[in-house]
Amino acid sequence: MIITRHYDLSALMISISGVRGKIQSGFGLPEALLFSQSFATMMVGKTVVIGRDSRPSGPYFEHLLSSALLSAGSNILTLGLVPTPTTKAVVKLAKANGGIMISASHNPMEWNAFKFISKGGFFFNAKENETLLQILNSGKFIPPQIHPKGYIESGEDYIDLHIKSVISRINLPKIKKKKYTVFVDAVGGAGSFVIPKLLRELGCRVIEHNCSPDGTFPRPPEPTPKALVSSEKAFKKSKADIGFALDPDADRLVLFSPKRGAISEELTLPLSLRSVLRAAKKGSKVVVNLSSSFLNEHVAHLYHSKVIRSKVGEANVVEEMIQSKAIFGGEGNGGVIDPNIPSFGRDTLAGIAHILNVMAEENKSIDDFITELPPIHMEKQSFPLSQGMSLSSLYEKIQAGFPKAEVSTKDGLWLSEGDLWVHIRPSNTEPIFRVIAEARSASDLAETLKRVKKCVES
């Protein structure tokens, strides 16, 4: 029996997003083994799907995890290098009992993580995470079997089923007829193979950039416009009709347009929304998180649809989508969620397909659609929490700085004052707190952030 007090887990980020940490500073083999044994105890004798991104630490984490599962008599469907949404989709398509994606998403190379997936392809909810941690803290793991019946087999065929499910949601003949030239920057990550394959099945000519998963990230892993400067130059040189940039586990999507280059990740979701809402019933519901742009309300209004705001985090958006029977959803960080695709979570394949679909259906370029949207004035900043200051006291200070604002404490602190909003919350993945603000003009945004900074620093 392992006694967990021998290990300090305080350096790990443990949240609804899974468990992640720096390999040499908290998430080494002993810690990874604890979580592997805990998960194996939950999945004893059942079928589990494993996928990973291209981090060099991925293979040894996968072998460690596989050993724990096999010792408990579980069967494993291994996918190798695949996007997070594909791993989730395969859990559902294969009717597996659970899964794990080994990826620290947009974190740097020295990080890795386990993202726990339950039956149906959904990320662990709060109760399942609590059960996992109870097992870990008790140290009462399933003993290794002397003659386990578990086995490992390839789940490669299920990857094609994920692609087919995405294609079923769009007008394939119209897209094929357009013969789009599409630029893809996969940051050498998990989308390096699957995304170009999807595009070729859509009849596109694919220009691959950073699609060699050699264990390095050739640019900063988070696909923000600032991180895509060199990729933008390659895109413009390619003369492609549109471009897509991914994060390492391919659940976040950023676009390139011929006239503008790399654009804000906040535009991905509202542009995808048009593909679905143009054929939806009036009054249809869409769910976005509290940190997503006003642009989603703008697009929804065009099609007489309603936007519901949830807590930040894919699992929270999905939960709200299920409860409200929403037809679409996502997050402003480039996450597109189509509930009719087995991944039922942030899925770059879905985002790419829906954006190409609306371009083909309406016979417009991506720049045409961007021009039709109001300008976006949003900024995202991160701050370490000042020594001696609690989040609650920080919230009190900021709320006092916006005395006339509408307030929500559903997720951190969300303030809405006329044509601006501010969202302050601790990060689920890093030891910081985030401030996200949006206003209708650049001057209003600057003034809003000035007010927030004054509260933070006072």
Protein backbone atom coordinates (compact mmCIF):
# COMPACT_ATOMS: atom_id res chain seq x y z
CA MET A 1 0.00 0.00 0.00
CA ILE A 2 1.31 3.43 -0.96
CA ILE A 3 1.21 6.11 1.73
CA THR A 4 0.64 9.38 -0.09
CA ARG A 5 2.02 11.59 2.67
CA HIS A 6 5.51 10.69 1.39
CA TYR A 7 4.82 12.91 -1.59
CA ASP A 8 4.10 16.62 -1.68
CA LEU A 9 1.28 17.22 -4.16
CA SER A 10 1.03 20.94 -3.41
CA ALA A 11 2.97 21.87 -6.55
CA LEU A 12 0.35 20.23 -8.77
CA MET A 13 -2.59 22.01 -10.38
CA ILE A 14 -5.55 19.77 -9.52
CA SER A 15 -8.88 20.96 -10.86
CA ILE A 16 -11.86 20.11 -13.03
CA SER A 17 -9.34 20.23 -15.90
CA GLY A 18 -7.44 17.24 -14.47
CA VAL A 19 -4.01 17.19 -12.87
CA ARG A 20 -0.96 18.89 -14.29
CA GLY A 21 2.46 19.99 -13.19
CA LYS A 22 6.10 20.47 -14.11
CA ILE A 23 7.85 17.15 -14.57
CA GLN A 24 10.86 17.96 -12.39
CA SER A 25 8.94 20.12 -9.93
CA GLY A 26 5.99 18.11 -8.69
CA PHE A 27 4.68 15.87 -11.47
CA GLY A 28 7.37 13.23 -11.65
CA LEU A 29 6.97 9.48 -11.91
CA PRO A 30 5.97 8.94 -8.25
CA GLU A 31 3.16 11.49 -8.47
CA ALA A 32 2.02 10.26 -11.87
CA LEU A 33 1.95 6.70 -10.50
CA LEU A 34 -0.32 7.78 -7.64
CA PHE A 35 -2.86 9.21 -10.06
CA SER A 36 -2.47 6.22 -12.40
CA GLN A 37 -3.18 3.76 -9.59
CA SER A 38 -6.13 5.83 -8.38
CA PHE A 39 -7.63 5.93 -11.87
CA ALA A 40 -6.94 2.21 -12.38
CA THR A 41 -8.78 1.51 -9.11
CA MET A 42 -11.81 3.37 -10.45
CA MET A 43 -11.62 1.53 -13.78
CA VAL A 44 -10.77 -1.97 -12.55
CA GLY A 45 -11.57 -4.58 -15.22
CA LYS A 46 -13.02 -2.02 -17.65
CA THR A 47 -12.04 -0.66 -21.07
CA VAL A 48 -10.04 2.58 -21.12
CA VAL A 49 -8.94 4.81 -24.03
CA ILE A 50 -5.53 6.53 -23.94
CA GLY A 51 -4.39 9.37 -26.20
CA ARG A 52 -1.49 11.82 -25.92
CA ASP A 53 0.07 14.86 -27.49
CA SER A 54 3.64 15.09 -28.81
CA ARG A 55 5.48 16.00 -25.60
CA PRO A 56 8.62 13.89 -25.18
CA SER A 57 7.39 12.81 -21.73
CA GLY A 58 4.15 11.45 -23.21
CA PRO A 59 5.35 7.92 -24.02
CA TYR A 60 6.74 7.19 -20.57
CA PHE A 61 3.64 8.61 -18.87
CA GLU A 62 1.52 6.44 -21.15
CA HIS A 63 3.51 3.29 -20.32
CA LEU A 64 3.25 4.01 -16.60
CA LEU A 65 -0.49 4.58 -16.88
CA SER A 66 -0.92 1.47 -19.04
CA SER A 67 0.95 -0.65 -16.50
CA ALA A 68 -1.36 0.48 -13.68
CA LEU A 69 -4.47 -0.24 -15.78
CA LEU A 70 -3.24 -3.63 -16.99
CA SER A 71 -2.34 -4.69 -13.46
CA ALA A 72 -5.98 -4.01 -12.51
CA GLY A 73 -7.28 -6.16 -15.36
CA SER A 74 -8.44 -3.28 -17.57
CA ASN A 75 -8.39 -3.31 -21.36
CA ILE A 76 -6.73 -0.42 -23.20
CA LEU A 77 -7.54 1.16 -26.54
CA THR A 78 -4.42 3.10 -27.46
CA LEU A 79 -4.68 5.95 -29.95
CA GLY A 80 -1.15 7.34 -29.92
CA LEU A 81 -0.82 10.94 -31.07
CA VAL A 82 -4.34 12.38 -31.33
CA PRO A 83 -6.23 15.55 -30.35
CA THR A 84 -7.97 15.67 -26.99
CA PRO A 85 -11.40 15.80 -28.70
CA THR A 86 -10.58 12.62 -30.61
CA THR A 87 -9.73 10.78 -27.38
CA LYS A 88 -13.04 11.92 -25.90
CA ALA A 89 -14.94 10.95 -29.05
CA VAL A 90 -13.39 7.47 -29.10
CA VAL A 91 -14.43 6.86 -25.47
CA LYS A 92 -18.03 7.38 -26.59
CA LEU A 93 -17.78 5.66 -29.98
CA ALA A 94 -16.08 2.56 -28.53
CA LYS A 95 -18.48 2.50 -25.55
CA ALA A 96 -15.44 2.49 -23.29
CA ASN A 97 -15.77 3.07 -19.55
CA GLY A 98 -13.28 5.90 -19.42
CA GLY A 99 -10.17 7.46 -20.85
CA ILE A 100 -7.17 9.68 -20.25
CA MET A 101 -5.63 12.30 -22.46
CA ILE A 102 -1.97 12.84 -21.61
CA SER A 103 -1.40 16.50 -22.38
CA ALA A 104 -0.71 19.76 -20.60
CA SER A 105 -2.53 21.62 -23.38
CA HIS A 106 -1.00 25.08 -23.95
CA ASN A 107 1.52 24.83 -21.08
CA PRO A 108 5.24 24.77 -21.97
CA MET A 109 7.17 21.60 -22.74
CA GLU A 110 8.29 20.98 -19.13
CA TRP A 111 4.66 20.42 -18.11
CA ASN A 112 2.47 17.39 -18.58
CA ALA A 113 -0.96 16.36 -17.36
CA PHE A 114 -3.65 13.72 -17.11
CA LYS A 115 -7.12 14.74 -18.32
CA PHE A 116 -9.58 12.20 -16.94
CA ILE A 117 -12.54 11.15 -19.09
CA SER A 118 -15.60 9.23 -17.93
CA LYS A 119 -18.11 7.05 -19.75
CA GLY A 120 -19.81 8.87 -22.60
CA GLY A 121 -16.70 10.90 -23.45
CA PHE A 122 -17.17 13.64 -20.85
CA PHE A 123 -14.39 15.01 -18.68
CA PHE A 124 -14.65 13.99 -15.04
CA ASN A 125 -17.20 16.02 -13.14
CA ALA A 126 -16.66 17.34 -9.61
CA LYS A 127 -17.98 14.15 -7.98
CA GLU A 128 -15.75 11.87 -10.07
CA ASN A 129 -12.72 14.05 -9.36
CA GLU A 130 -13.56 13.86 -5.66
CA THR A 131 -13.73 10.05 -5.82
CA LEU A 132 -10.34 9.93 -7.57
CA LEU A 133 -8.73 12.11 -4.91
CA GLN A 134 -10.33 10.12 -2.08
CA ILE A 135 -8.75 6.95 -3.47
CA LEU A 136 -5.41 8.70 -3.87
CA ASN A 137 -5.41 10.15 -0.37
CA SER A 138 -6.43 6.84 1.22
CA GLY A 139 -3.72 4.90 -0.60
CA LYS A 140 -6.18 2.02 -0.97
CA PHE A 141 -5.42 0.99 -4.52
CA ILE A 142 -6.54 -2.18 -6.23
CA PRO A 143 -3.76 -4.78 -5.68
CA PRO A 144 -1.92 -5.87 -8.85
CA GLN A 145 -3.46 -9.06 -10.20
CA ILE A 146 -1.34 -12.17 -10.55
CA HIS A 147 -3.11 -13.18 -13.75
CA PRO A 148 -4.81 -10.08 -15.17
CA LYS A 149 -7.03 -10.53 -18.21
CA GLY A 150 -6.50 -7.03 -19.63
CA TYR A 151 -5.02 -6.34 -23.06
CA ILE A 152 -3.88 -3.45 -25.26
CA GLU A 153 -5.19 -2.91 -28.78
CA SER A 154 -5.17 -0.11 -31.32
CA GLY A 155 -8.16 2.20 -31.50
CA GLU A 156 -7.04 3.72 -34.80
CA ASP A 157 -10.24 2.79 -36.66
CA TYR A 158 -12.27 4.89 -34.23
CA ILE A 159 -10.28 7.99 -35.21
CA ASP A 160 -11.86 7.83 -38.68
CA LEU A 161 -15.31 7.60 -37.05
CA HIS A 162 -14.63 10.89 -35.26
CA ILE A 163 -13.78 12.53 -38.59
CA LYS A 164 -16.93 11.09 -40.20
CA SER A 165 -19.10 12.40 -37.37
CA VAL A 166 -17.73 15.91 -37.99
CA ILE A 167 -18.32 15.69 -41.73
CA SER A 168 -21.92 14.59 -41.14
CA ARG A 169 -22.61 18.03 -39.62
CA ILE A 170 -21.77 20.08 -42.72
CA ASN A 171 -22.54 20.37 -46.45
CA LEU A 172 -19.71 18.26 -47.83
CA PRO A 173 -20.53 18.66 -51.56
CA LYS A 174 -20.54 22.46 -51.34
CA ILE A 175 -17.23 22.55 -49.47
CA LYS A 176 -15.61 20.11 -51.91
CA LYS A 177 -16.78 22.21 -54.83
CA LYS A 178 -14.91 25.23 -53.45
CA LYS A 179 -11.54 23.40 -53.39
CA TYR A 180 -10.24 25.67 -50.64
CA THR A 181 -6.53 26.01 -50.01
CA VAL A 182 -6.09 25.72 -46.23
CA PHE A 183 -3.01 26.47 -44.13
CA VAL A 184 -2.56 24.45 -40.91
CA ASP A 185 -0.16 25.23 -38.05
CA ALA A 186 -0.38 22.31 -35.61
CA VAL A 187 2.58 23.50 -33.44
CA GLY A 188 4.06 20.01 -33.89
CA GLY A 189 1.32 18.71 -31.64
CA ALA A 190 -1.54 16.24 -31.49
CA GLY A 191 -3.37 17.70 -34.50
CA SER A 192 -0.44 17.17 -36.88
CA PHE A 193 -2.00 14.15 -38.59
CA VAL A 194 -5.74 14.23 -37.88
CA ILE A 195 -6.44 17.82 -38.96
CA PRO A 196 -4.78 17.56 -42.40
CA LYS A 197 -6.63 14.26 -42.90
CA LEU A 198 -9.97 15.91 -42.16
CA LEU A 199 -9.23 18.76 -44.56
CA ARG A 200 -8.29 16.42 -47.38
CA GLU A 201 -11.58 14.59 -46.91
CA LEU A 202 -13.26 17.98 -47.28
CA GLY A 203 -11.59 18.33 -50.68
CA CYS A 204 -9.12 20.98 -49.52
CA ARG A 205 -5.56 21.52 -50.63
CA VAL A 206 -3.60 21.47 -47.38
CA ILE A 207 -0.47 23.47 -46.65
CA GLU A 208 1.12 21.92 -43.56
CA HIS A 209 3.14 24.16 -41.27
CA ASN A 210 4.62 22.91 -37.98
CA CYS A 211 2.96 19.54 -38.58
CA SER A 212 5.97 17.38 -37.70
CA PRO A 213 5.38 16.05 -34.16
CA ASP A 214 9.08 15.69 -33.32
CA GLY A 215 8.77 16.43 -29.62
CA THR A 216 9.40 20.16 -29.80
CA PHE A 217 7.07 23.13 -30.03
CA PRO A 218 8.46 25.40 -32.80
CA ARG A 219 6.49 28.39 -31.48
CA PRO A 220 4.86 29.31 -28.13
CA PRO A 221 2.22 26.61 -27.57
CA GLU A 222 -0.74 28.88 -26.82
CA PRO A 223 -2.08 30.01 -30.23
CA THR A 224 -2.48 33.72 -29.62
CA PRO A 225 -1.79 36.27 -32.39
CA LYS A 226 1.44 37.26 -30.62
CA ALA A 227 2.63 33.65 -30.72
CA LEU A 228 1.79 33.32 -34.39
CA VAL A 229 3.96 36.08 -35.87
CA SER A 230 6.26 33.74 -37.83
CA SER A 231 3.35 31.47 -38.78
CA GLU A 232 1.44 34.49 -40.06
CA LYS A 233 4.28 35.28 -42.46
CA ALA A 234 4.22 31.70 -43.74
CA PHE A 235 0.44 31.86 -44.12
CA LYS A 236 0.51 35.07 -46.17
CA LYS A 237 3.24 33.64 -48.36
CA SER A 238 1.11 30.53 -48.98
CA LYS A 239 -1.77 32.56 -50.52
CA ALA A 240 -4.21 30.19 -48.76
CA ASP A 241 -7.92 31.01 -48.51
CA ILE A 242 -7.89 30.53 -44.75
CA GLY A 243 -5.55 29.27 -42.06
CA PHE A 244 -5.95 27.46 -38.76
CA ALA A 245 -3.57 27.37 -35.79
CA LEU A 246 -3.87 24.87 -32.94
CA ASP A 247 -2.55 24.33 -29.44
CA PRO A 248 -0.57 21.13 -28.64
CA ASP A 249 -3.63 18.97 -27.85
CA ALA A 250 -5.76 20.52 -30.60
CA ASP A 251 -8.81 21.61 -28.65
CA ARG A 252 -8.29 25.33 -29.28
CA LEU A 253 -8.52 26.99 -32.68
CA VAL A 254 -7.28 30.34 -34.02
CA LEU A 255 -7.81 31.62 -37.56
CA PHE A 256 -5.69 33.35 -40.20
CA SER A 257 -7.40 35.50 -42.82
CA PRO A 258 -5.73 36.77 -46.02
CA LYS A 259 -6.27 40.46 -45.16
CA ARG A 260 -5.69 40.37 -41.39
CA GLY A 261 -3.34 37.46 -40.74
CA ALA A 262 -3.76 35.86 -37.30
CA ILE A 263 -6.95 37.09 -35.62
CA SER A 264 -8.19 36.95 -32.04
CA GLU A 265 -9.19 33.54 -30.73
CA GLU A 266 -12.42 35.23 -29.61
CA LEU A 267 -13.66 35.24 -33.22
CA THR A 268 -13.49 31.46 -33.65
CA LEU A 269 -16.69 30.66 -31.77
CA PRO A 270 -18.98 33.38 -33.21
CA LEU A 271 -17.84 32.51 -36.75
CA SER A 272 -18.57 28.82 -36.10
CA LEU A 273 -21.96 29.75 -34.63
CA ARG A 274 -23.13 31.07 -37.98
CA SER A 275 -22.86 27.63 -39.55
CA VAL A 276 -25.31 26.16 -37.03
CA LEU A 277 -27.66 29.05 -36.22
CA ARG A 278 -28.45 29.88 -39.86
CA ALA A 279 -30.43 26.62 -40.01
CA ALA A 280 -31.63 26.54 -36.39
CA LYS A 281 -35.07 27.25 -34.97
CA LYS A 282 -35.78 30.68 -33.50
CA GLY A 283 -35.17 30.73 -29.77
CA SER A 284 -32.40 28.13 -29.91
CA LYS A 285 -29.97 28.27 -27.00
CA VAL A 286 -26.21 28.66 -27.09
CA VAL A 287 -23.87 28.42 -24.07
CA VAL A 288 -20.62 30.36 -23.72
CA ASN A 289 -18.57 31.00 -20.62
CA LEU A 290 -18.44 34.23 -18.64
CA SER A 291 -15.09 35.20 -20.18
CA SER A 292 -16.27 35.04 -23.80
CA SER A 293 -16.85 38.04 -26.05
CA PHE A 294 -20.03 40.02 -26.68
CA LEU A 295 -19.62 38.88 -30.30
CA ASN A 296 -21.44 35.65 -29.47
CA GLU A 297 -24.53 37.61 -28.39
CA HIS A 298 -24.23 39.68 -31.57
CA VAL A 299 -24.31 36.60 -33.83
CA ALA A 300 -27.02 34.88 -31.78
CA HIS A 301 -29.18 38.00 -32.02
CA LEU A 302 -28.96 37.90 -35.84
CA TYR A 303 -30.60 34.48 -35.76
CA HIS A 304 -33.04 35.16 -32.90
CA SER A 305 -31.19 32.82 -30.54
CA LYS A 306 -30.38 33.12 -26.84
CA VAL A 307 -26.95 33.05 -25.18
CA ILE A 308 -26.55 31.53 -21.71
CA ARG A 309 -23.32 32.16 -19.78
CA SER A 310 -21.67 29.43 -17.72
CA LYS A 311 -18.65 29.11 -15.48
CA VAL A 312 -15.29 28.92 -17.24
CA GLY A 313 -14.09 25.43 -18.14
CA GLU A 314 -15.17 22.98 -20.79
CA ALA A 315 -16.89 20.69 -18.30
CA ASN A 316 -18.92 23.62 -16.97
CA VAL A 317 -19.99 24.74 -20.44
CA VAL A 318 -21.00 21.18 -21.36
CA GLU A 319 -22.98 20.75 -18.13
CA GLU A 320 -24.90 23.97 -18.84
CA MET A 321 -25.46 22.89 -22.45
CA ILE A 322 -27.01 19.62 -21.30
CA GLN A 323 -29.20 21.29 -18.70
CA SER A 324 -30.42 24.01 -21.07
CA LYS A 325 -30.63 21.72 -24.14
CA ALA A 326 -28.39 24.09 -26.08
CA ILE A 327 -27.67 23.35 -29.73
CA PHE A 328 -24.13 24.75 -29.67
CA GLY A 329 -21.57 26.22 -27.31
CA GLY A 330 -17.97 26.92 -26.56
CA GLU A 331 -15.39 29.17 -24.98
CA GLY A 332 -13.80 32.36 -26.21
CA ASN A 333 -10.31 30.84 -26.08
CA GLY A 334 -10.94 29.20 -29.45
CA GLY A 335 -13.01 26.28 -28.15
CA VAL A 336 -15.97 25.14 -30.29
CA ILE A 337 -18.47 22.64 -28.85
CA ASP A 338 -20.98 20.83 -31.06
CA PRO A 339 -23.15 18.44 -28.97
CA ASN A 340 -23.93 16.37 -32.07
CA ILE A 341 -20.30 15.25 -32.38
CA PRO A 342 -19.20 12.40 -30.04
CA SER A 343 -16.44 14.49 -28.46
CA PHE A 344 -19.11 16.86 -26.99
CA GLY A 345 -16.39 19.26 -25.94
CA ARG A 346 -13.94 21.75 -27.41
CA ASP A 347 -13.15 20.31 -30.83
CA THR A 348 -10.95 21.93 -33.47
CA LEU A 349 -12.24 19.50 -36.08
CA ALA A 350 -15.76 20.81 -35.46
CA GLY A 351 -14.62 24.45 -35.58
CA ILE A 352 -12.74 23.99 -38.84
CA ALA A 353 -15.62 22.14 -40.49
CA HIS A 354 -18.26 24.66 -39.42
CA ILE A 355 -16.24 27.69 -40.53
CA LEU A 356 -15.54 26.17 -43.96
CA ASN A 357 -19.20 25.19 -44.13
CA VAL A 358 -20.53 28.71 -43.60
CA MET A 359 -17.99 30.08 -46.09
CA ALA A 360 -19.23 27.61 -48.72
CA GLU A 361 -22.93 27.92 -47.87
CA GLU A 362 -22.93 31.73 -48.07
CA ASN A 363 -20.26 32.00 -50.77
CA LYS A 364 -18.19 34.47 -48.74
CA SER A 365 -14.54 34.68 -47.76
CA ILE A 366 -13.43 34.55 -44.17
CA ASP A 367 -12.56 38.26 -44.42
CA ASP A 368 -16.13 39.02 -45.50
CA PHE A 369 -17.46 37.45 -42.29
CA ILE A 370 -14.93 39.22 -40.09
CA THR A 371 -15.83 42.57 -41.66
CA GLU A 372 -19.49 42.00 -40.76
CA LEU A 373 -18.66 41.62 -37.05
CA PRO A 374 -18.30 44.61 -34.70
CA PRO A 375 -14.70 45.41 -33.73
CA ILE A 376 -13.51 43.58 -30.64
CA HIS A 377 -11.90 45.47 -27.75
CA MET A 378 -10.85 42.87 -25.21
CA GLU A 379 -7.74 42.26 -23.16
CA LYS A 380 -6.66 39.32 -21.04
CA GLN A 381 -4.10 39.88 -18.31
CA SER A 382 -2.62 37.65 -15.63
CA PHE A 383 -1.34 38.63 -12.19
CA PRO A 384 0.28 36.74 -9.32
CA LEU A 385 -1.71 37.18 -6.14
CA SER A 386 0.04 39.73 -3.91
CA GLN A 387 1.59 38.29 -0.78
CA GLY A 388 -0.87 38.34 2.08
CA MET A 389 -3.88 39.07 -0.11
CA SER A 390 -6.69 36.53 -0.41
CA LEU A 391 -8.93 36.23 -3.46
CA SER A 392 -11.93 37.27 -1.39
CA SER A 393 -10.25 40.51 -0.31
CA LEU A 394 -9.19 41.13 -3.91
CA TYR A 395 -12.78 40.68 -5.08
CA GLU A 396 -13.99 43.13 -2.43
CA LYS A 397 -11.52 45.76 -3.61
CA ILE A 398 -12.46 45.37 -7.26
CA GLN A 399 -16.17 45.35 -6.54
CA ALA A 400 -15.75 48.57 -4.58
CA GLY A 401 -14.04 50.05 -7.64
CA PHE A 402 -17.14 49.31 -9.76
CA PRO A 403 -19.96 50.36 -7.41
CA LYS A 404 -22.63 50.60 -10.14
CA ALA A 405 -21.91 47.24 -11.79
CA GLU A 406 -24.15 44.19 -12.05
CA VAL A 407 -22.37 41.43 -10.11
CA SER A 408 -22.14 37.67 -10.52
CA THR A 409 -20.12 35.37 -8.26
CA LYS A 410 -20.94 32.23 -10.25
CA ASP A 411 -17.27 31.92 -11.16
CA GLY A 412 -14.88 34.25 -9.39
CA LEU A 413 -16.12 37.81 -9.82
CA TRP A 414 -17.94 39.01 -12.95
CA LEU A 415 -18.93 42.67 -13.23
CA SER A 416 -21.05 44.20 -15.99
CA GLU A 417 -21.42 47.96 -16.26
CA GLY A 418 -23.25 49.26 -19.33
CA ASP A 419 -21.26 48.27 -22.43
CA LEU A 420 -18.33 46.72 -20.57
CA TRP A 421 -17.64 43.68 -18.43
CA VAL A 422 -14.76 42.45 -16.29
CA HIS A 423 -14.13 38.89 -15.14
CA ILE A 424 -11.63 38.08 -12.37
CA ARG A 425 -10.94 34.48 -11.44
CA PRO A 426 -8.09 32.18 -10.38
CA SER A 427 -6.58 30.06 -13.14
CA ASN A 428 -7.42 26.34 -13.20
CA THR A 429 -4.05 25.52 -14.70
CA GLU A 430 -1.51 28.04 -13.37
CA PRO A 431 -0.76 29.69 -9.96
CA ILE A 432 -2.11 33.09 -11.03
CA PHE A 433 -5.40 34.95 -11.31
CA ARG A 434 -6.76 36.19 -14.61
CA VAL A 435 -8.42 39.49 -15.47
CA ILE A 436 -10.42 39.60 -18.68
CA ALA A 437 -12.22 42.76 -19.77
CA GLU A 438 -14.20 43.82 -22.82
CA ALA A 439 -15.67 47.17 -23.83
CA ARG A 440 -17.24 48.68 -26.94
CA SER A 441 -14.28 51.00 -27.59
CA ALA A 442 -10.52 50.95 -27.08
CA SER A 443 -10.66 53.98 -24.82
CA ASP A 444 -13.34 52.41 -22.60
CA LEU A 445 -11.28 49.22 -22.37
CA ALA A 446 -8.14 51.12 -21.37
CA GLU A 447 -10.04 53.00 -18.69
CA THR A 448 -11.61 49.78 -17.38
CA LEU A 449 -8.26 48.02 -17.08
CA LYS A 450 -6.80 51.10 -15.40
CA ARG A 451 -9.53 50.89 -12.75
CA VAL A 452 -8.88 47.16 -12.22
CA LYS A 453 -5.11 47.62 -11.96
CA LYS A 454 -5.59 50.35 -9.37
CA CYS A 455 -7.67 47.95 -7.25
CA VAL A 456 -5.09 45.16 -7.63
CA GLU A 457 -2.10 47.32 -6.71
CA SER A 458 -3.67 49.34 -3.90
